[in-house]
């Protein structure tokens, strides 16, 4: 009996370490690479518009600004400014990503967000995949002070596995054991090749079939805090996702929609025809991006119109109150008697 309890405790400790990992000290951010240290196509981009409206666009985990560039070009075609970030540790080499943690991504996006916010009349946060996760975290952190004009997330996770929305989700089994994997095998490489037809259908630039496990573990460990922050967000919100996404379970969209406290929120989910892609990178997928762009355009247009309408109503109210003040001030106590 003693051996049974010893074995049980040992298994609990093992699975706890396998999932949560061991504590580690805070790391400095990876060094900034020179121009020749960035992958071809992975460079950050910026398209200036004339509307006074800007969009800060964050790419996904292991990817690069290449994967969000089509959205940036589309936003700029509407007259807006679009800024595509290259997240720390991305678009260079896998060793840089291995030294990067979620707090590096969060601090970087928040710093750029606060810098750019003062330069434009309105600034939206836009994130693809984990870029959307970081955007939600930054928006919640600044919910009481420097709120964005709105948030757009595409294929964004706030959990990988667990009990959510009344059922057990097991979508990314490998992420359960990142706490132990990052010790045993810090970098995982898979010997695979992407078919040329898939590359043409859904081009992608980033760390392909290579994972920095410690960075992925940090991402996973940050998700509970992201979920806790959702009720703090009250700005207009738009979520887009493929129902047959092989990377992020569609229940993520439902969870965010149900827990975010935005007065205006909308979610668009559609099914992509079966192909060899992951159905995840919607911004470069030839069969999905136009649908995504149209929905984003509608959200932006209606959000800006609603904001302008509210501003006009507020001005009318202030104007009416201004002219009513002298009337109220000259009323005598007798006038208030019933």
C-alpha atoms as a PDB file:
ATOM      1  CA  UNK A   1       0.000   0.000   0.000  1.00  0.00           C
ATOM      2  CA  UNK A   2       2.873   2.335   0.858  1.00  0.00           C
ATOM      3  CA  UNK A   3       4.449   1.627  -2.531  1.00  0.00           C
ATOM      4  CA  UNK A   4       1.153   2.505  -4.246  1.00  0.00           C
ATOM      5  CA  UNK A   5       0.911   5.923  -2.559  1.00  0.00           C
ATOM      6  CA  UNK A   6       4.584   6.603  -3.246  1.00  0.00           C
ATOM      7  CA  UNK A   7       4.082   5.773  -6.919  1.00  0.00           C
ATOM      8  CA  UNK A   8       0.924   7.923  -7.068  1.00  0.00           C
ATOM      9  CA  UNK A   9       2.683  10.936  -5.528  1.00  0.00           C
ATOM     10  CA  UNK A  10       5.619  10.426  -7.889  1.00  0.00           C
ATOM     11  CA  UNK A  11       3.280  10.417 -10.903  1.00  0.00           C
ATOM     12  CA  UNK A  12       1.494  13.561  -9.716  1.00  0.00           C
ATOM     13  CA  UNK A  13       4.817  15.367  -9.279  1.00  0.00           C
ATOM     14  CA  UNK A  14       5.983  14.189 -12.698  1.00  0.00           C
ATOM     15  CA  UNK A  15       2.848  15.373 -14.490  1.00  0.00           C
ATOM     16  CA  UNK A  16       2.906  18.668 -12.573  1.00  0.00           C
ATOM     17  CA  UNK A  17       6.476  19.308 -13.699  1.00  0.00           C
ATOM     18  CA  UNK A  18       5.699  18.056 -17.213  1.00  0.00           C
ATOM     19  CA  UNK A  19       2.853  20.540 -17.537  1.00  0.00           C
ATOM     20  CA  UNK A  20       3.896  23.562 -15.464  1.00  0.00           C
ATOM     21  CA  UNK A  21       7.683  23.211 -15.641  1.00  0.00           C
ATOM     22  CA  UNK A  22      10.246  24.407 -13.125  1.00  0.00           C
ATOM     23  CA  UNK A  23      10.652  28.078 -12.156  1.00  0.00           C
ATOM     24  CA  UNK A  24      13.169  30.080 -14.166  1.00  0.00           C
ATOM     25  CA  UNK A  25      14.633  33.530 -13.686  1.00  0.00           C
ATOM     26  CA  UNK A  26      13.520  36.359 -15.955  1.00  0.00           C
ATOM     27  CA  UNK A  27      15.566  36.534 -19.133  1.00  0.00           C
ATOM     28  CA  UNK A  28      16.730  39.599 -21.062  1.00  0.00           C
ATOM     29  CA  UNK A  29      15.147  40.055 -24.495  1.00  0.00           C
ATOM     30  CA  UNK A  30      17.022  38.671 -27.514  1.00  0.00           C
ATOM     31  CA  UNK A  31      19.350  41.143 -29.240  1.00  0.00           C
ATOM     32  CA  UNK A  32      18.022  43.241 -32.104  1.00  0.00           C
ATOM     33  CA  UNK A  33      19.284  41.758 -35.392  1.00  0.00           C
ATOM     34  CA  UNK A  34      20.850  43.750 -38.186  1.00  0.00           C
ATOM     35  CA  UNK A  35      19.161  44.017 -41.571  1.00  0.00           C
ATOM     36  CA  UNK A  36      21.128  41.011 -42.819  1.00  0.00           C
ATOM     37  CA  UNK A  37      20.034  38.932 -39.824  1.00  0.00           C
ATOM     38  CA  UNK A  38      16.343  38.909 -40.754  1.00  0.00           C
ATOM     39  CA  UNK A  39      14.876  36.252 -43.049  1.00  0.00           C
ATOM     40  CA  UNK A  40      13.961  37.387 -46.526  1.00  0.00           C
ATOM     41  CA  UNK A  41      10.319  38.470 -46.422  1.00  0.00           C
ATOM     42  CA  UNK A  42      10.222  38.586 -42.611  1.00  0.00           C
ATOM     43  CA  UNK A  43      11.023  42.303 -42.333  1.00  0.00           C
ATOM     44  CA  UNK A  44       8.609  44.560 -40.432  1.00  0.00           C
ATOM     45  CA  UNK A  45       6.506  46.830 -42.645  1.00  0.00           C
ATOM     46  CA  UNK A  46       4.713  50.150 -42.406  1.00  0.00           C
ATOM     47  CA  UNK A  47       2.188  51.682 -44.805  1.00  0.00           C
ATOM     48  CA  UNK A  48       1.212  55.278 -44.050  1.00  0.00           C
ATOM     49  CA  UNK A  49      -2.330  56.447 -44.765  1.00  0.00           C
ATOM     50  CA  UNK A  50      -4.072  59.807 -44.598  1.00  0.00           C
ATOM     51  CA  UNK A  51      -7.158  59.002 -42.516  1.00  0.00           C
ATOM     52  CA  UNK A  52      -5.577  59.510 -39.100  1.00  0.00           C
ATOM     53  CA  UNK A  53      -6.581  55.920 -38.270  1.00  0.00           C
ATOM     54  CA  UNK A  54      -3.846  53.346 -37.621  1.00  0.00           C
ATOM     55  CA  UNK A  55      -3.710  49.579 -37.116  1.00  0.00           C
ATOM     56  CA  UNK A  56      -0.963  47.863 -35.136  1.00  0.00           C
ATOM     57  CA  UNK A  57      -0.737  44.358 -36.617  1.00  0.00           C
ATOM     58  CA  UNK A  58       0.954  41.446 -34.785  1.00  0.00           C
ATOM     59  CA  UNK A  59       1.869  38.169 -36.498  1.00  0.00           C
ATOM     60  CA  UNK A  60       1.626  34.644 -35.102  1.00  0.00           C
ATOM     61  CA  UNK A  61       3.917  32.396 -33.083  1.00  0.00           C
ATOM     62  CA  UNK A  62       6.886  31.193 -35.106  1.00  0.00           C
ATOM     63  CA  UNK A  63       5.811  33.326 -38.066  1.00  0.00           C
ATOM     64  CA  UNK A  64       6.784  36.767 -39.302  1.00  0.00           C
ATOM     65  CA  UNK A  65       5.348  40.030 -40.674  1.00  0.00           C
ATOM     66  CA  UNK A  66       5.191  38.316 -44.064  1.00  0.00           C
ATOM     67  CA  UNK A  67       2.067  36.503 -42.874  1.00  0.00           C
ATOM     68  CA  UNK A  68       0.218  39.726 -42.006  1.00  0.00           C
ATOM     69  CA  UNK A  69       1.457  41.886 -44.874  1.00  0.00           C
ATOM     70  CA  UNK A  70      -1.578  41.233 -47.147  1.00  0.00           C
ATOM     71  CA  UNK A  71      -3.859  42.580 -44.408  1.00  0.00           C
ATOM     72  CA  UNK A  72      -1.619  45.629 -44.007  1.00  0.00           C
ATOM     73  CA  UNK A  73      -1.778  46.359 -47.727  1.00  0.00           C
ATOM     74  CA  UNK A  74      -5.557  46.012 -47.647  1.00  0.00           C
ATOM     75  CA  UNK A  75      -5.945  48.364 -44.662  1.00  0.00           C
ATOM     76  CA  UNK A  76      -3.717  50.889 -46.398  1.00  0.00           C
ATOM     77  CA  UNK A  77      -5.868  50.657 -49.550  1.00  0.00           C
ATOM     78  CA  UNK A  78      -8.738  51.944 -47.374  1.00  0.00           C
ATOM     79  CA  UNK A  79      -6.677  55.040 -46.570  1.00  0.00           C
ATOM     80  CA  UNK A  80      -5.461  53.929 -43.145  1.00  0.00           C
ATOM     81  CA  UNK A  81      -1.994  53.462 -41.664  1.00  0.00           C
ATOM     82  CA  UNK A  82      -0.930  49.858 -41.036  1.00  0.00           C
ATOM     83  CA  UNK A  83       2.112  48.906 -38.957  1.00  0.00           C
ATOM     84  CA  UNK A  84       3.367  45.315 -39.083  1.00  0.00           C
ATOM     85  CA  UNK A  85       5.523  44.350 -36.102  1.00  0.00           C
ATOM     86  CA  UNK A  86       8.246  41.734 -36.036  1.00  0.00           C
ATOM     87  CA  UNK A  87       7.866  40.141 -32.630  1.00  0.00           C
ATOM     88  CA  UNK A  88      11.049  39.534 -30.556  1.00  0.00           C
ATOM     89  CA  UNK A  89      12.799  36.291 -31.442  1.00  0.00           C
ATOM     90  CA  UNK A  90      10.977  35.924 -34.761  1.00  0.00           C
ATOM     91  CA  UNK A  91      12.139  36.113 -38.359  1.00  0.00           C
ATOM     92  CA  UNK A  92      15.815  35.543 -37.503  1.00  0.00           C
ATOM     93  CA  UNK A  93      16.875  32.114 -36.180  1.00  0.00           C
ATOM     94  CA  UNK A  94      15.380  29.564 -33.821  1.00  0.00           C
ATOM     95  CA  UNK A  95      17.981  30.288 -31.128  1.00  0.00           C
ATOM     96  CA  UNK A  96      16.599  33.813 -30.763  1.00  0.00           C
ATOM     97  CA  UNK A  97      13.114  32.433 -30.261  1.00  0.00           C
ATOM     98  CA  UNK A  98      14.429  29.929 -27.688  1.00  0.00           C
ATOM     99  CA  UNK A  99      15.596  32.886 -25.546  1.00  0.00           C
ATOM    100  CA  UNK A 100      12.244  34.683 -25.799  1.00  0.00           C
ATOM    101  CA  UNK A 101       9.282  34.548 -23.401  1.00  0.00           C
ATOM    102  CA  UNK A 102       5.712  35.844 -23.385  1.00  0.00           C
ATOM    103  CA  UNK A 103       6.636  38.852 -21.250  1.00  0.00           C
ATOM    104  CA  UNK A 104       9.069  39.954 -23.975  1.00  0.00           C
ATOM    105  CA  UNK A 105       6.281  39.923 -26.579  1.00  0.00           C
ATOM    106  CA  UNK A 106       3.837  41.662 -24.253  1.00  0.00           C
ATOM    107  CA  UNK A 107       6.304  44.407 -23.273  1.00  0.00           C
ATOM    108  CA  UNK A 108       7.324  44.991 -26.883  1.00  0.00           C
ATOM    109  CA  UNK A 109       3.773  45.293 -28.230  1.00  0.00           C
ATOM    110  CA  UNK A 110       2.704  47.536 -25.346  1.00  0.00           C
ATOM    111  CA  UNK A 111       5.695  49.849 -25.840  1.00  0.00           C
ATOM    112  CA  UNK A 112       5.062  50.245 -29.565  1.00  0.00           C
ATOM    113  CA  UNK A 113       1.321  50.596 -28.950  1.00  0.00           C
ATOM    114  CA  UNK A 114       1.795  53.475 -26.480  1.00  0.00           C
ATOM    115  CA  UNK A 115       4.298  55.180 -28.791  1.00  0.00           C
ATOM    116  CA  UNK A 116       2.061  54.979 -31.854  1.00  0.00           C
ATOM    117  CA  UNK A 117      -1.164  55.805 -30.013  1.00  0.00           C
ATOM    118  CA  UNK A 118      -0.209  59.464 -29.598  1.00  0.00           C
ATOM    119  CA  UNK A 119       0.507  59.858 -33.314  1.00  0.00           C
ATOM    120  CA  UNK A 120      -2.934  58.970 -34.653  1.00  0.00           C
ATOM    121  CA  UNK A 121      -6.518  59.944 -34.043  1.00  0.00           C
ATOM    122  CA  UNK A 122      -7.436  56.307 -33.432  1.00  0.00           C
ATOM    123  CA  UNK A 123      -5.363  53.163 -33.098  1.00  0.00           C
ATOM    124  CA  UNK A 124      -6.693  49.608 -33.449  1.00  0.00           C
ATOM    125  CA  UNK A 125      -4.940  46.473 -32.200  1.00  0.00           C
ATOM    126  CA  UNK A 126      -4.923  43.614 -34.713  1.00  0.00           C
ATOM    127  CA  UNK A 127      -3.478  40.178 -34.087  1.00  0.00           C
ATOM    128  CA  UNK A 128      -3.179  36.937 -36.011  1.00  0.00           C
ATOM    129  CA  UNK A 129      -3.015  33.761 -33.903  1.00  0.00           C
ATOM    130  CA  UNK A 130      -0.765  34.372 -30.879  1.00  0.00           C
ATOM    131  CA  UNK A 131      -0.408  37.982 -32.014  1.00  0.00           C
ATOM    132  CA  UNK A 132      -4.106  38.280 -31.163  1.00  0.00           C
ATOM    133  CA  UNK A 133      -3.449  36.708 -27.766  1.00  0.00           C
ATOM    134  CA  UNK A 134      -0.784  39.317 -27.001  1.00  0.00           C
ATOM    135  CA  UNK A 135      -3.080  42.077 -28.288  1.00  0.00           C
ATOM    136  CA  UNK A 136      -5.840  40.973 -25.906  1.00  0.00           C
ATOM    137  CA  UNK A 137      -3.372  41.006 -23.009  1.00  0.00           C
ATOM    138  CA  UNK A 138      -2.141  44.522 -23.862  1.00  0.00           C
ATOM    139  CA  UNK A 139      -5.704  45.798 -24.319  1.00  0.00           C
ATOM    140  CA  UNK A 140      -6.778  44.421 -20.934  1.00  0.00           C
ATOM    141  CA  UNK A 141      -3.714  45.906 -19.243  1.00  0.00           C
ATOM    142  CA  UNK A 142      -4.542  49.366 -20.628  1.00  0.00           C
ATOM    143  CA  UNK A 143      -8.325  49.097 -20.247  1.00  0.00           C
ATOM    144  CA  UNK A 144      -8.530  51.903 -17.667  1.00  0.00           C
ATOM    145  CA  UNK A 145      -6.210  54.379 -19.324  1.00  0.00           C
ATOM    146  CA  UNK A 146      -5.063  54.022 -22.933  1.00  0.00           C
ATOM    147  CA  UNK A 147      -7.746  51.913 -24.565  1.00  0.00           C
ATOM    148  CA  UNK A 148      -7.467  51.058 -28.277  1.00  0.00           C
ATOM    149  CA  UNK A 149     -10.220  52.145 -30.669  1.00  0.00           C
ATOM    150  CA  UNK A 150     -10.999  48.486 -31.282  1.00  0.00           C
ATOM    151  CA  UNK A 151      -9.503  44.988 -31.435  1.00  0.00           C
ATOM    152  CA  UNK A 152      -9.434  42.496 -34.292  1.00  0.00           C
ATOM    153  CA  UNK A 153      -8.212  38.927 -33.772  1.00  0.00           C
ATOM    154  CA  UNK A 154      -7.834  36.204 -36.393  1.00  0.00           C
ATOM    155  CA  UNK A 155      -7.422  32.502 -35.475  1.00  0.00           C
ATOM    156  CA  UNK A 156      -6.525  33.489 -31.916  1.00  0.00           C
ATOM    157  CA  UNK A 157      -6.139  31.055 -28.981  1.00  0.00           C
ATOM    158  CA  UNK A 158      -6.704  31.673 -25.282  1.00  0.00           C
ATOM    159  CA  UNK A 159      -6.333  27.966 -24.427  1.00  0.00           C
ATOM    160  CA  UNK A 160      -4.979  24.774 -26.001  1.00  0.00           C
ATOM    161  CA  UNK A 161      -6.497  21.994 -23.880  1.00  0.00           C
ATOM    162  CA  UNK A 162      -8.807  21.669 -20.875  1.00  0.00           C
ATOM    163  CA  UNK A 163     -12.428  22.097 -19.824  1.00  0.00           C
ATOM    164  CA  UNK A 164     -13.954  25.053 -21.648  1.00  0.00           C
ATOM    165  CA  UNK A 165     -17.449  25.951 -22.785  1.00  0.00           C
ATOM    166  CA  UNK A 166     -18.853  22.954 -20.951  1.00  0.00           C
ATOM    167  CA  UNK A 167     -16.711  20.264 -22.582  1.00  0.00           C
ATOM    168  CA  UNK A 168     -13.210  18.827 -22.549  1.00  0.00           C
ATOM    169  CA  UNK A 169     -10.982  20.188 -25.325  1.00  0.00           C
ATOM    170  CA  UNK A 170      -7.893  18.218 -26.358  1.00  0.00           C
ATOM    171  CA  UNK A 171      -6.622  20.001 -29.441  1.00  0.00           C
ATOM    172  CA  UNK A 172      -2.851  20.280 -28.929  1.00  0.00           C
ATOM    173  CA  UNK A 173      -1.728  17.262 -26.906  1.00  0.00           C
ATOM    174  CA  UNK A 174       1.969  18.085 -27.250  1.00  0.00           C
ATOM    175  CA  UNK A 175       1.590  21.334 -25.325  1.00  0.00           C
ATOM    176  CA  UNK A 176       0.617  19.395 -22.188  1.00  0.00           C
ATOM    177  CA  UNK A 177       4.209  18.252 -21.698  1.00  0.00           C
ATOM    178  CA  UNK A 178       6.147  21.402 -22.609  1.00  0.00           C
ATOM    179  CA  UNK A 179       7.347  21.821 -19.012  1.00  0.00           C
ATOM    180  CA  UNK A 180       9.476  18.675 -19.250  1.00  0.00           C
ATOM    181  CA  UNK A 181      10.167  18.825 -22.989  1.00  0.00           C
ATOM    182  CA  UNK A 182      11.906  22.201 -22.684  1.00  0.00           C
ATOM    183  CA  UNK A 183      14.441  20.521 -20.394  1.00  0.00           C
ATOM    184  CA  UNK A 184      14.905  17.322 -22.383  1.00  0.00           C
ATOM    185  CA  UNK A 185      14.733  18.766 -25.921  1.00  0.00           C
ATOM    186  CA  UNK A 186      14.794  22.603 -26.003  1.00  0.00           C
ATOM    187  CA  UNK A 187      14.424  22.713 -29.795  1.00  0.00           C
ATOM    188  CA  UNK A 188      12.257  20.246 -31.693  1.00  0.00           C
ATOM    189  CA  UNK A 189      12.883  19.753 -35.406  1.00  0.00           C
ATOM    190  CA  UNK A 190      10.680  17.679 -37.689  1.00  0.00           C
ATOM    191  CA  UNK A 191      11.922  16.274 -40.979  1.00  0.00           C
ATOM    192  CA  UNK A 192       9.079  17.326 -43.246  1.00  0.00           C
ATOM    193  CA  UNK A 193       8.612  19.052 -46.555  1.00  0.00           C
ATOM    194  CA  UNK A 194       5.753  21.321 -47.544  1.00  0.00           C
ATOM    195  CA  UNK A 195       4.259  20.503 -50.964  1.00  0.00           C
ATOM    196  CA  UNK A 196       4.741  23.234 -53.548  1.00  0.00           C
ATOM    197  CA  UNK A 197       0.990  23.326 -54.200  1.00  0.00           C
ATOM    198  CA  UNK A 198       0.381  24.072 -50.508  1.00  0.00           C
ATOM    199  CA  UNK A 199       2.995  26.823 -50.563  1.00  0.00           C
ATOM    200  CA  UNK A 200       1.260  28.469 -53.505  1.00  0.00           C
ATOM    201  CA  UNK A 201      -2.148  28.160 -51.835  1.00  0.00           C
ATOM    202  CA  UNK A 202      -1.008  29.400 -48.429  1.00  0.00           C
ATOM    203  CA  UNK A 203       2.503  30.954 -48.464  1.00  0.00           C
ATOM    204  CA  UNK A 204       4.274  31.366 -45.138  1.00  0.00           C
ATOM    205  CA  UNK A 205       7.627  32.665 -43.826  1.00  0.00           C
ATOM    206  CA  UNK A 206       8.892  31.679 -40.393  1.00  0.00           C
ATOM    207  CA  UNK A 207      10.295  28.779 -38.387  1.00  0.00           C
ATOM    208  CA  UNK A 208       8.890  25.866 -40.335  1.00  0.00           C
ATOM    209  CA  UNK A 209       8.670  22.465 -38.591  1.00  0.00           C
ATOM    210  CA  UNK A 210      10.915  23.782 -35.799  1.00  0.00           C
ATOM    211  CA  UNK A 211       9.768  24.633 -32.281  1.00  0.00           C
ATOM    212  CA  UNK A 212      11.529  26.421 -29.424  1.00  0.00           C
ATOM    213  CA  UNK A 213       9.822  24.546 -26.609  1.00  0.00           C
ATOM    214  CA  UNK A 214      10.636  26.985 -23.787  1.00  0.00           C
ATOM    215  CA  UNK A 215       9.069  29.866 -25.731  1.00  0.00           C
ATOM    216  CA  UNK A 216       6.001  27.762 -26.500  1.00  0.00           C
ATOM    217  CA  UNK A 217       5.775  26.776 -22.832  1.00  0.00           C
ATOM    218  CA  UNK A 218       5.897  30.444 -21.812  1.00  0.00           C
ATOM    219  CA  UNK A 219       3.082  31.168 -24.265  1.00  0.00           C
ATOM    220  CA  UNK A 220       0.979  28.365 -22.765  1.00  0.00           C
ATOM    221  CA  UNK A 221       1.627  29.499 -19.193  1.00  0.00           C
ATOM    222  CA  UNK A 222       0.485  33.047 -20.002  1.00  0.00           C
ATOM    223  CA  UNK A 223      -2.946  31.990 -21.303  1.00  0.00           C
ATOM    224  CA  UNK A 224      -4.756  31.921 -17.915  1.00  0.00           C
ATOM    225  CA  UNK A 225      -3.822  35.572 -17.331  1.00  0.00           C
ATOM    226  CA  UNK A 226      -5.077  36.453 -20.812  1.00  0.00           C
ATOM    227  CA  UNK A 227      -8.407  34.763 -20.050  1.00  0.00           C
ATOM    228  CA  UNK A 228      -8.716  36.586 -16.720  1.00  0.00           C
ATOM    229  CA  UNK A 229      -8.229  39.904 -18.479  1.00  0.00           C
ATOM    230  CA  UNK A 230     -10.998  39.442 -21.067  1.00  0.00           C
ATOM    231  CA  UNK A 231     -13.792  40.964 -18.900  1.00  0.00           C
ATOM    232  CA  UNK A 232     -11.762  44.182 -18.628  1.00  0.00           C
ATOM    233  CA  UNK A 233     -11.990  44.779 -22.375  1.00  0.00           C
ATOM    234  CA  UNK A 234     -14.961  46.943 -23.398  1.00  0.00           C
ATOM    235  CA  UNK A 235     -13.876  48.373 -26.766  1.00  0.00           C
ATOM    236  CA  UNK A 236     -15.401  47.131 -30.068  1.00  0.00           C
ATOM    237  CA  UNK A 237     -14.161  43.639 -30.836  1.00  0.00           C
ATOM    238  CA  UNK A 238     -14.072  41.507 -33.982  1.00  0.00           C
ATOM    239  CA  UNK A 239     -13.071  37.828 -34.148  1.00  0.00           C
ATOM    240  CA  UNK A 240     -12.507  35.744 -37.289  1.00  0.00           C
ATOM    241  CA  UNK A 241     -11.745  32.039 -37.486  1.00  0.00           C
ATOM    242  CA  UNK A 242     -12.063  28.919 -39.623  1.00  0.00           C
ATOM    243  CA  UNK A 243     -14.278  26.285 -38.022  1.00  0.00           C
ATOM    244  CA  UNK A 244     -11.925  23.535 -39.264  1.00  0.00           C
ATOM    245  CA  UNK A 245      -8.725  25.196 -37.981  1.00  0.00           C
ATOM    246  CA  UNK A 246      -6.214  22.419 -37.248  1.00  0.00           C
ATOM    247  CA  UNK A 247      -3.994  24.572 -35.033  1.00  0.00           C
ATOM    248  CA  UNK A 248      -6.459  26.378 -32.743  1.00  0.00           C
ATOM    249  CA  UNK A 249      -9.782  24.864 -31.711  1.00  0.00           C
ATOM    250  CA  UNK A 250     -12.851  26.902 -32.776  1.00  0.00           C
ATOM    251  CA  UNK A 251     -14.097  26.835 -29.164  1.00  0.00           C
ATOM    252  CA  UNK A 252     -11.542  29.571 -28.517  1.00  0.00           C
ATOM    253  CA  UNK A 253     -13.616  32.045 -30.504  1.00  0.00           C
ATOM    254  CA  UNK A 254     -16.743  31.153 -28.543  1.00  0.00           C
ATOM    255  CA  UNK A 255     -14.905  31.517 -25.234  1.00  0.00           C
ATOM    256  CA  UNK A 256     -13.520  34.959 -26.086  1.00  0.00           C
ATOM    257  CA  UNK A 257     -16.873  36.158 -27.383  1.00  0.00           C
ATOM    258  CA  UNK A 258     -18.698  35.015 -24.245  1.00  0.00           C
ATOM    259  CA  UNK A 259     -16.179  36.475 -21.787  1.00  0.00           C
ATOM    260  CA  UNK A 260     -15.133  39.755 -23.352  1.00  0.00           C
ATOM    261  CA  UNK A 261     -17.259  42.695 -22.099  1.00  0.00           C
ATOM    262  CA  UNK A 262     -17.272  44.767 -25.268  1.00  0.00           C
ATOM    263  CA  UNK A 263     -20.561  46.559 -25.897  1.00  0.00           C
ATOM    264  CA  UNK A 264     -20.100  45.853 -29.602  1.00  0.00           C
ATOM    265  CA  UNK A 265     -18.625  42.495 -30.529  1.00  0.00           C
ATOM    266  CA  UNK A 266     -18.935  40.257 -33.517  1.00  0.00           C
ATOM    267  CA  UNK A 267     -17.590  36.867 -34.559  1.00  0.00           C
ATOM    268  CA  UNK A 268     -17.251  35.414 -38.042  1.00  0.00           C
ATOM    269  CA  UNK A 269     -16.625  31.687 -38.454  1.00  0.00           C
ATOM    270  CA  UNK A 270     -16.573  29.843 -41.759  1.00  0.00           C
ATOM    271  CA  UNK A 271     -15.473  26.471 -43.120  1.00  0.00           C
ATOM    272  CA  UNK A 272     -12.644  26.217 -45.637  1.00  0.00           C
ATOM    273  CA  UNK A 273     -12.693  23.488 -48.288  1.00  0.00           C
ATOM    274  CA  UNK A 274     -10.389  20.596 -47.270  1.00  0.00           C
ATOM    275  CA  UNK A 275      -6.772  21.011 -48.400  1.00  0.00           C
ATOM    276  CA  UNK A 276      -3.265  20.293 -47.125  1.00  0.00           C
ATOM    277  CA  UNK A 277      -2.998  23.540 -45.153  1.00  0.00           C
ATOM    278  CA  UNK A 278      -3.724  23.906 -41.440  1.00  0.00           C
ATOM    279  CA  UNK A 279      -6.733  26.185 -42.175  1.00  0.00           C
ATOM    280  CA  UNK A 280      -5.082  28.536 -39.697  1.00  0.00           C
ATOM    281  CA  UNK A 281      -3.132  31.174 -41.643  1.00  0.00           C
ATOM    282  CA  UNK A 282      -6.181  32.920 -43.070  1.00  0.00           C
ATOM    283  CA  UNK A 283      -4.437  36.162 -44.033  1.00  0.00           C
ATOM    284  CA  UNK A 284      -2.367  34.506 -46.759  1.00  0.00           C
ATOM    285  CA  UNK A 285      -4.730  31.669 -47.728  1.00  0.00           C
ATOM    286  CA  UNK A 286      -5.914  32.238 -51.304  1.00  0.00           C
ATOM    287  CA  UNK A 287      -9.399  30.891 -50.517  1.00  0.00           C
ATOM    288  CA  UNK A 288      -9.874  32.778 -47.249  1.00  0.00           C
ATOM    289  CA  UNK A 289      -8.145  36.144 -47.225  1.00  0.00           C
ATOM    290  CA  UNK A 290     -10.701  38.033 -49.335  1.00  0.00           C
ATOM    291  CA  UNK A 291     -13.516  36.884 -47.057  1.00  0.00           C
ATOM    292  CA  UNK A 292     -11.504  37.960 -44.026  1.00  0.00           C
ATOM    293  CA  UNK A 293     -10.710  41.366 -45.528  1.00  0.00           C
ATOM    294  CA  UNK A 294     -14.347  42.076 -46.383  1.00  0.00           C
ATOM    295  CA  UNK A 295     -15.475  41.282 -42.857  1.00  0.00           C
ATOM    296  CA  UNK A 296     -12.684  43.410 -41.374  1.00  0.00           C
ATOM    297  CA  UNK A 297     -13.650  46.307 -43.656  1.00  0.00           C
ATOM    298  CA  UNK A 298     -17.284  46.140 -42.524  1.00  0.00           C
ATOM    299  CA  UNK A 299     -16.258  46.076 -38.859  1.00  0.00           C
ATOM    300  CA  UNK A 300     -13.945  49.072 -39.270  1.00  0.00           C
ATOM    301  CA  UNK A 301     -16.483  51.099 -41.216  1.00  0.00           C
ATOM    302  CA  UNK A 302     -19.330  50.484 -38.789  1.00  0.00           C
ATOM    303  CA  UNK A 303     -17.122  51.014 -35.719  1.00  0.00           C
ATOM    304  CA  UNK A 304     -15.869  54.361 -37.012  1.00  0.00           C
ATOM    305  CA  UNK A 305     -19.387  55.440 -37.992  1.00  0.00           C
ATOM    306  CA  UNK A 306     -20.729  54.526 -34.561  1.00  0.00           C
ATOM    307  CA  UNK A 307     -17.907  56.421 -32.871  1.00  0.00           C
ATOM    308  CA  UNK A 308     -18.568  59.508 -34.990  1.00  0.00           C
ATOM    309  CA  UNK A 309     -22.294  59.255 -34.256  1.00  0.00           C
ATOM    310  CA  UNK A 310     -21.644  59.087 -30.507  1.00  0.00           C
ATOM    311  CA  UNK A 311     -19.294  62.069 -30.715  1.00  0.00           C
ATOM    312  CA  UNK A 312     -21.926  64.123 -32.572  1.00  0.00           C
ATOM    313  CA  UNK A 313     -24.578  63.245 -29.982  1.00  0.00           C
ATOM    314  CA  UNK A 314     -22.213  64.219 -27.175  1.00  0.00           C
ATOM    315  CA  UNK A 315     -21.522  67.594 -28.813  1.00  0.00           C
ATOM    316  CA  UNK A 316     -25.231  68.277 -29.188  1.00  0.00           C
ATOM    317  CA  UNK A 317     -25.790  67.413 -25.538  1.00  0.00           C
ATOM    318  CA  UNK A 318     -22.994  69.709 -24.366  1.00  0.00           C
ATOM    319  CA  UNK A 319     -24.285  72.518 -26.600  1.00  0.00           C
ATOM    320  CA  UNK A 320     -27.819  72.159 -25.252  1.00  0.00           C
ATOM    321  CA  UNK A 321     -26.624  72.121 -21.655  1.00  0.00           C
ATOM    322  CA  UNK A 322     -24.537  75.241 -22.231  1.00  0.00           C
ATOM    323  CA  UNK A 323     -27.579  77.282 -23.319  1.00  0.00           C
ATOM    324  CA  UNK A 324     -29.724  75.852 -20.553  1.00  0.00           C
ATOM    325  CA  UNK A 325     -27.384  76.914 -17.769  1.00  0.00           C
ATOM    326  CA  UNK A 326     -28.384  80.626 -17.655  1.00  0.00           C
ATOM    327  CA  UNK A 327     -32.059  79.642 -17.538  1.00  0.00           C
ATOM    328  CA  UNK A 328     -31.531  77.347 -14.584  1.00  0.00           C
ATOM    329  CA  UNK A 329     -29.331  79.879 -12.815  1.00  0.00           C
ATOM    330  CA  UNK A 330     -31.980  82.650 -12.957  1.00  0.00           C
ATOM    331  CA  UNK A 331     -34.778  80.539 -11.531  1.00  0.00           C
ATOM    332  CA  UNK A 332     -35.859  81.571  -8.070  1.00  0.00           C
ATOM    333  CA  UNK A 333     -36.720  79.183  -5.220  1.00  0.00           C
ATOM    334  CA  UNK A 334     -40.393  79.986  -5.817  1.00  0.00           C
ATOM    335  CA  UNK A 335     -40.106  78.588  -9.353  1.00  0.00           C
ATOM    336  CA  UNK A 336     -39.164  75.197  -7.896  1.00  0.00           C
ATOM    337  CA  UNK A 337     -42.202  75.030  -5.626  1.00  0.00           C
ATOM    338  CA  UNK A 338     -44.874  72.573  -6.664  1.00  0.00           C
END
